Structure formats: C-alpha cells, structure tokens
Amino acid sequence: MKPTNKRLTERFMSDENIQPSLDGHLLQQAAEAYSTTLFRYALSLAHREDLARDAVQETFLRLAKADQAKVSHHLAPWLFRVCRTRALDLLRKEARMSPADDATLARAADVAPSPASRAEVSDSAAQALRMVETLPENQREIVRLKFQGGLSYKEIAEVTELSVTNVGFLLHTAIKSLRAAMVE
C-alpha cells in the first residue's frame, strides 16, 4: 500500500514521540506536494515498495523534527537528499541482514512498472521509462530527479553531491542516449 498524504500526516501528527518543530500545516503541504514523487524516487532506488515506503516515511519523520528555518528555503532538495540517503541506507541494511533467497531475487528482478503506474502513463511514456532503465545508474538518477522530481540542476547537485556542471553533462548525455534509442 502506497503512503497517502493524509495517512502520512495523520501518523506524524498522532505520534507522541514526535514533537514537530514544523507546524502541522507546513508538514501537510510538504506531504501533499512531495510524498508521491518521493515514493517514486525511492522506489527507483530501492526497487522494493516496502523499502521505498519506509524511506519516504522516515524522510517526513525527519522533516517533522527538522528546524523549519534551516529547511524551508530548500525544501525539495532537502527532502530528496534525505529520501535518497534513507533509501540507500535501507538497501545496505537489507543486504547485510538477509541472504538473497529466490523470492527476494524475483522481487529485485521485477522492475516493471506496477499496474497502477501502467494505467497512469501512455504507451509512449512507458516505453520512455523502460529506456531510462537502460541508462547508467548515475544518469538514471539525474533523469528521475529532473523529470519526476522536478528539481533544478542546482537542487539535483545538492541531492547527489555532484557539481552543477556534472549534473548538466549527465543529463545531456542521458537525453542524447534516449533520443537515439527512440529513433531506432
């Protein structure tokens, strides 16, 4: 089950262990604006819905505890950076904790879009998404952050800890590769 904005907000606001420094309205706005996009981004990194869901929930948990003055000026890059870190941490933790069995390998190999995603996108968009999966990981991540996350080059550079120039180069190379693949 995907996290919904309302469910996320209710969970954070009802948790007695959380004493949010952000007001509930700002947290709800952030959840409404970014939870779906963050989930897609985390899913693209983790390839498992449960890990992606955990990464997004932990991202908003950290947002609830964050200093509003430090976060509000660059909310989108902050959210994506925390989500990225959490998704990669969860992947590393899972890799250390359990040996891969057949079911785990089957889930990891199944990177096809979910039925809900297929319903949301047209055939050409689905084809483009498959082509994105063929890109090298660093280019895929930049493409996702730019087109699924809607981040600027500078914001992507903050998330990935790359230079703005390198982000531009990777994005240019990725788009050039995708165009060539679509022509074929």
Foldseek 3Di string as FASTA:
>chain_A
DADALVNLLVVLVPDPVFDFLDDSVVLSVCSNVPRVLQLVLLCVVQLDNVLSRVLLSVLSSVNRHDNCVVQVVLPLLSSLLSSVVSSVVVNVVVVVPDDDDPVNVVSSVPSQDDPVVPVVDDPVVSVLVVLLVVDPPVLSSLCSCCPSVVDDLVSVCSNVVHDSVVSVVSPVVSVVSSVVVVVD
